[in-house]
Amino acid sequence: MSSPSRSAVLITMGDPCGIGPEVILKTLRAVPAALPIVVIGDLAVFQRTAARLKLRVPSWRLLTLHDDPARLPPGCYLADLGCRASFQ
């Protein structure tokens, strides 16, 4: 008999300049390390947010996409990024 497969929890970071990275860091610090979590986002954004909040970046699996949201300061927006996200 084969063992049952475990499903992972997949979480997207959302807007790198929004509250998503902060909410994920604060929420996942209370989640047991054994829970399989995959976060889609940018490591540099999580590192910057964690440093600002004096938190550590948990050891979840992180998938990074092709854009470079780390170059954007928190709270800013660029119309071309929203346009590309909406129409690609």
N, C-alpha and C. Protein backbone atom coordinates (compact mmCIF):
# COMPACT_ATOMS: atom_id res chain seq x y z
N MET A 1 0.85 -1.18 0.00
CA MET A 1 0.00 0.00 0.00
C MET A 1 0.89 1.24 0.00
N SER A 2 0.59 2.17 -0.88
CA SER A 2 1.40 3.38 -0.95
C SER A 2 0.95 4.37 0.13
N SER A 3 1.90 5.22 0.51
CA SER A 3 1.56 6.23 1.53
C SER A 3 0.80 7.38 0.88
N PRO A 4 -0.08 8.02 1.62
CA PRO A 4 -0.85 9.14 1.05
C PRO A 4 0.08 10.32 0.76
N SER A 5 -0.21 11.04 -0.31
CA SER A 5 0.60 12.21 -0.64
C SER A 5 0.15 13.40 0.19
N ARG A 6 1.11 14.27 0.48
CA ARG A 6 0.78 15.48 1.22
C ARG A 6 0.68 16.65 0.26
N SER A 7 -0.30 17.45 0.45
CA SER A 7 -0.46 18.64 -0.37
C SER A 7 0.23 19.80 0.32
N ALA A 8 0.74 20.71 -0.47
CA ALA A 8 1.37 21.91 0.07
C ALA A 8 0.37 23.05 0.09
N VAL A 9 0.61 23.99 0.98
CA VAL A 9 -0.17 25.22 1.02
C VAL A 9 0.59 26.23 0.17
N LEU A 10 -0.06 26.77 -0.85
CA LEU A 10 0.55 27.72 -1.77
C LEU A 10 0.01 29.11 -1.47
N ILE A 11 0.93 30.07 -1.24
CA ILE A 11 0.54 31.44 -0.90
C ILE A 11 1.26 32.39 -1.85
N THR A 12 0.52 33.32 -2.43
CA THR A 12 1.15 34.32 -3.28
C THR A 12 1.42 35.59 -2.48
N MET A 13 2.53 36.24 -2.77
CA MET A 13 2.95 37.42 -2.03
C MET A 13 2.03 38.61 -2.28
N GLY A 14 1.46 38.69 -3.47
CA GLY A 14 0.67 39.86 -3.82
C GLY A 14 1.57 41.02 -4.21
N ASP A 15 1.09 42.21 -4.04
CA ASP A 15 1.84 43.41 -4.40
C ASP A 15 3.08 43.53 -3.51
N PRO A 16 4.28 43.55 -4.09
CA PRO A 16 5.49 43.64 -3.27
C PRO A 16 5.58 44.95 -2.48
N CYS A 17 4.83 45.95 -2.88
CA CYS A 17 4.83 47.23 -2.17
C CYS A 17 3.63 47.35 -1.23
N GLY A 18 2.82 46.32 -1.19
CA GLY A 18 1.64 46.35 -0.34
C GLY A 18 1.87 45.66 0.99
N ILE A 19 0.79 45.18 1.59
CA ILE A 19 0.89 44.58 2.92
C ILE A 19 1.11 43.06 2.88
N GLY A 20 1.07 42.47 1.70
CA GLY A 20 1.20 41.02 1.56
C GLY A 20 2.44 40.43 2.23
N PRO A 21 3.64 40.95 1.93
CA PRO A 21 4.83 40.39 2.56
C PRO A 21 4.80 40.47 4.09
N GLU A 22 4.30 41.57 4.63
CA GLU A 22 4.22 41.73 6.08
C GLU A 22 3.21 40.74 6.68
N VAL A 23 2.06 40.62 6.05
CA VAL A 23 1.03 39.70 6.55
C VAL A 23 1.54 38.26 6.51
N ILE A 24 2.21 37.88 5.43
CA ILE A 24 2.73 36.52 5.31
C ILE A 24 3.78 36.25 6.39
N LEU A 25 4.72 37.17 6.56
CA LEU A 25 5.76 36.97 7.58
C LEU A 25 5.17 36.86 8.98
N LYS A 26 4.25 37.73 9.31
CA LYS A 26 3.65 37.70 10.65
C LYS A 26 2.79 36.46 10.87
N THR A 27 2.09 36.03 9.83
CA THR A 27 1.22 34.88 9.95
C THR A 27 2.01 33.57 10.00
N LEU A 28 2.98 33.43 9.14
CA LEU A 28 3.69 32.17 9.03
C LEU A 28 4.69 31.93 10.15
N ARG A 29 5.00 32.93 10.95
CA ARG A 29 5.92 32.67 12.05
C ARG A 29 5.27 31.78 13.11
N ALA A 30 3.96 31.68 13.11
CA ALA A 30 3.25 30.84 14.07
C ALA A 30 2.90 29.46 13.50
N VAL A 31 3.25 29.21 12.25
CA VAL A 31 2.92 27.94 11.60
C VAL A 31 4.04 26.94 11.83
N PRO A 32 3.71 25.70 12.19
CA PRO A 32 4.75 24.69 12.41
C PRO A 32 5.60 24.47 11.16
N ALA A 33 6.90 24.28 11.36
CA ALA A 33 7.83 24.11 10.25
C ALA A 33 7.52 22.87 9.42
N ALA A 34 6.87 21.90 10.01
CA ALA A 34 6.57 20.65 9.30
C ALA A 34 5.48 20.82 8.24
N LEU A 35 4.71 21.89 8.33
CA LEU A 35 3.64 22.12 7.36
C LEU A 35 4.28 22.54 6.03
N PRO A 36 3.96 21.82 4.94
CA PRO A 36 4.57 22.17 3.65
C PRO A 36 3.98 23.44 3.06
N ILE A 37 4.73 24.51 3.11
CA ILE A 37 4.27 25.81 2.61
C ILE A 37 5.16 26.25 1.46
N VAL A 38 4.54 26.73 0.39
CA VAL A 38 5.26 27.29 -0.75
C VAL A 38 4.76 28.71 -0.92
N VAL A 39 5.68 29.67 -0.94
CA VAL A 39 5.32 31.08 -1.12
C VAL A 39 5.84 31.52 -2.49
N ILE A 40 4.98 32.18 -3.26
CA ILE A 40 5.40 32.75 -4.54
C ILE A 40 5.66 34.23 -4.29
N GLY A 41 6.90 34.63 -4.50
CA GLY A 41 7.26 36.01 -4.25
C GLY A 41 8.75 36.22 -4.44
N ASP A 42 9.26 37.29 -3.92
CA ASP A 42 10.66 37.65 -4.09
C ASP A 42 11.37 37.63 -2.74
N LEU A 43 12.46 36.88 -2.67
CA LEU A 43 13.19 36.75 -1.42
C LEU A 43 13.69 38.10 -0.90
N ALA A 44 14.18 38.95 -1.78
CA ALA A 44 14.69 40.26 -1.35
C ALA A 44 13.60 41.09 -0.68
N VAL A 45 12.38 41.01 -1.19
CA VAL A 45 11.27 41.75 -0.59
C VAL A 45 10.99 41.21 0.80
N PHE A 46 10.98 39.88 0.95
CA PHE A 46 10.74 39.29 2.28
C PHE A 46 11.88 39.62 3.24
N GLN A 47 13.11 39.61 2.75
CA GLN A 47 14.24 39.95 3.62
C GLN A 47 14.16 41.40 4.09
N ARG A 48 13.83 42.31 3.18
CA ARG A 48 13.72 43.73 3.53
C ARG A 48 12.58 43.95 4.53
N THR A 49 11.44 43.30 4.29
CA THR A 49 10.29 43.43 5.18
C THR A 49 10.60 42.83 6.54
N ALA A 50 11.23 41.67 6.56
CA ALA A 50 11.59 41.03 7.82
C ALA A 50 12.56 41.89 8.62
N ALA A 51 13.52 42.50 7.97
CA ALA A 51 14.48 43.38 8.67
C ALA A 51 13.76 44.57 9.28
N ARG A 52 12.83 45.15 8.52
CA ARG A 52 12.07 46.30 9.02
C ARG A 52 11.23 45.93 10.23
N LEU A 53 10.69 44.70 10.24
CA LEU A 53 9.83 44.24 11.33
C LEU A 53 10.61 43.54 12.45
N LYS A 54 11.92 43.40 12.25
CA LYS A 54 12.77 42.67 13.21
C LYS A 54 12.30 41.23 13.37
N LEU A 55 11.98 40.61 12.24
CA LEU A 55 11.59 39.20 12.18
C LEU A 55 12.61 38.46 11.33
N ARG A 56 12.58 37.14 11.41
CA ARG A 56 13.43 36.36 10.52
C ARG A 56 12.55 35.81 9.40
N VAL A 57 13.18 35.53 8.28
CA VAL A 57 12.44 34.93 7.16
C VAL A 57 12.35 33.44 7.44
N PRO A 58 11.14 32.90 7.55
CA PRO A 58 10.99 31.46 7.83
C PRO A 58 11.60 30.61 6.70
N SER A 59 11.74 29.36 6.95
CA SER A 59 12.36 28.47 5.97
C SER A 59 11.33 27.77 5.09
N TRP A 60 10.41 28.53 4.53
CA TRP A 60 9.47 27.92 3.60
C TRP A 60 10.09 27.92 2.22
N ARG A 61 9.50 27.12 1.36
CA ARG A 61 9.97 27.08 -0.02
C ARG A 61 9.48 28.34 -0.72
N LEU A 62 10.37 28.99 -1.47
CA LEU A 62 10.02 30.26 -2.12
C LEU A 62 10.22 30.13 -3.62
N LEU A 63 9.18 30.42 -4.38
CA LEU A 63 9.27 30.46 -5.84
C LEU A 63 9.29 31.91 -6.26
N THR A 64 10.30 32.29 -7.04
CA THR A 64 10.44 33.67 -7.49
C THR A 64 10.14 33.75 -8.98
N LEU A 65 9.37 34.74 -9.36
CA LEU A 65 9.03 34.95 -10.77
C LEU A 65 10.05 35.88 -11.42
N HIS A 66 9.87 36.20 -12.68
CA HIS A 66 10.87 36.92 -13.46
C HIS A 66 11.03 38.40 -13.14
N ASP A 67 10.02 39.09 -12.67
CA ASP A 67 10.15 40.53 -12.39
C ASP A 67 11.02 40.77 -11.17
N ASP A 68 11.46 41.99 -10.98
CA ASP A 68 12.33 42.34 -9.86
C ASP A 68 11.62 43.33 -8.94
N PRO A 69 10.68 42.86 -8.11
CA PRO A 69 9.97 43.78 -7.22
C PRO A 69 10.83 44.33 -6.11
N ALA A 70 12.01 43.75 -5.88
CA ALA A 70 12.88 44.22 -4.80
C ALA A 70 13.36 45.65 -5.06
N ARG A 71 13.31 46.10 -6.29
CA ARG A 71 13.77 47.46 -6.60
C ARG A 71 12.75 48.53 -6.22
N LEU A 72 11.55 48.12 -5.85
CA LEU A 72 10.50 49.08 -5.52
C LEU A 72 10.43 49.29 -4.01
N PRO A 73 10.45 50.53 -3.55
CA PRO A 73 10.28 50.77 -2.11
C PRO A 73 8.84 50.51 -1.69
N PRO A 74 8.62 50.10 -0.45
CA PRO A 74 7.25 49.86 0.02
C PRO A 74 6.37 51.09 -0.15
N GLY A 75 5.14 50.87 -0.56
CA GLY A 75 4.18 51.95 -0.68
C GLY A 75 4.19 52.68 -2.00
N CYS A 76 5.08 52.33 -2.92
CA CYS A 76 5.08 53.02 -4.22
C CYS A 76 4.38 52.15 -5.25
N TYR A 77 4.06 52.72 -6.38
CA TYR A 77 3.46 51.94 -7.46
C TYR A 77 3.95 52.50 -8.78
N LEU A 78 3.95 51.65 -9.77
CA LEU A 78 4.30 52.05 -11.13
C LEU A 78 3.21 51.53 -12.05
N ALA A 79 2.64 52.41 -12.84
CA ALA A 79 1.52 52.04 -13.70
C ALA A 79 1.90 50.93 -14.67
N ASP A 80 3.13 50.96 -15.20
CA ASP A 80 3.49 49.95 -16.18
C ASP A 80 3.54 48.55 -15.57
N LEU A 81 3.88 48.42 -14.29
CA LEU A 81 3.88 47.11 -13.65
C LEU A 81 2.47 46.57 -13.51
N GLY A 82 1.54 47.42 -13.12
CA GLY A 82 0.15 46.99 -13.02
C GLY A 82 -0.41 46.61 -14.37
N CYS A 83 -0.06 47.37 -15.38
CA CYS A 83 -0.52 47.10 -16.72
C CYS A 83 0.02 45.75 -17.20
N ARG A 84 1.31 45.51 -16.98
CA ARG A 84 1.89 44.23 -17.40
C ARG A 84 1.25 43.07 -16.64
N ALA A 85 1.02 43.23 -15.37
CA ALA A 85 0.41 42.17 -14.58
C ALA A 85 -1.00 41.87 -15.04
N SER A 86 -1.71 42.91 -15.48
CA SER A 86 -3.11 42.74 -15.89
C SER A 86 -3.26 42.13 -17.28
N PHE A 87 -2.32 42.41 -18.15
CA PHE A 87 -2.51 42.04 -19.55
C PHE A 87 -1.54 40.99 -20.06
N GLN A 88 -0.71 40.41 -19.20
CA GLN A 88 0.19 39.35 -19.67
C GLN A 88 -0.36 38.01 -19.33
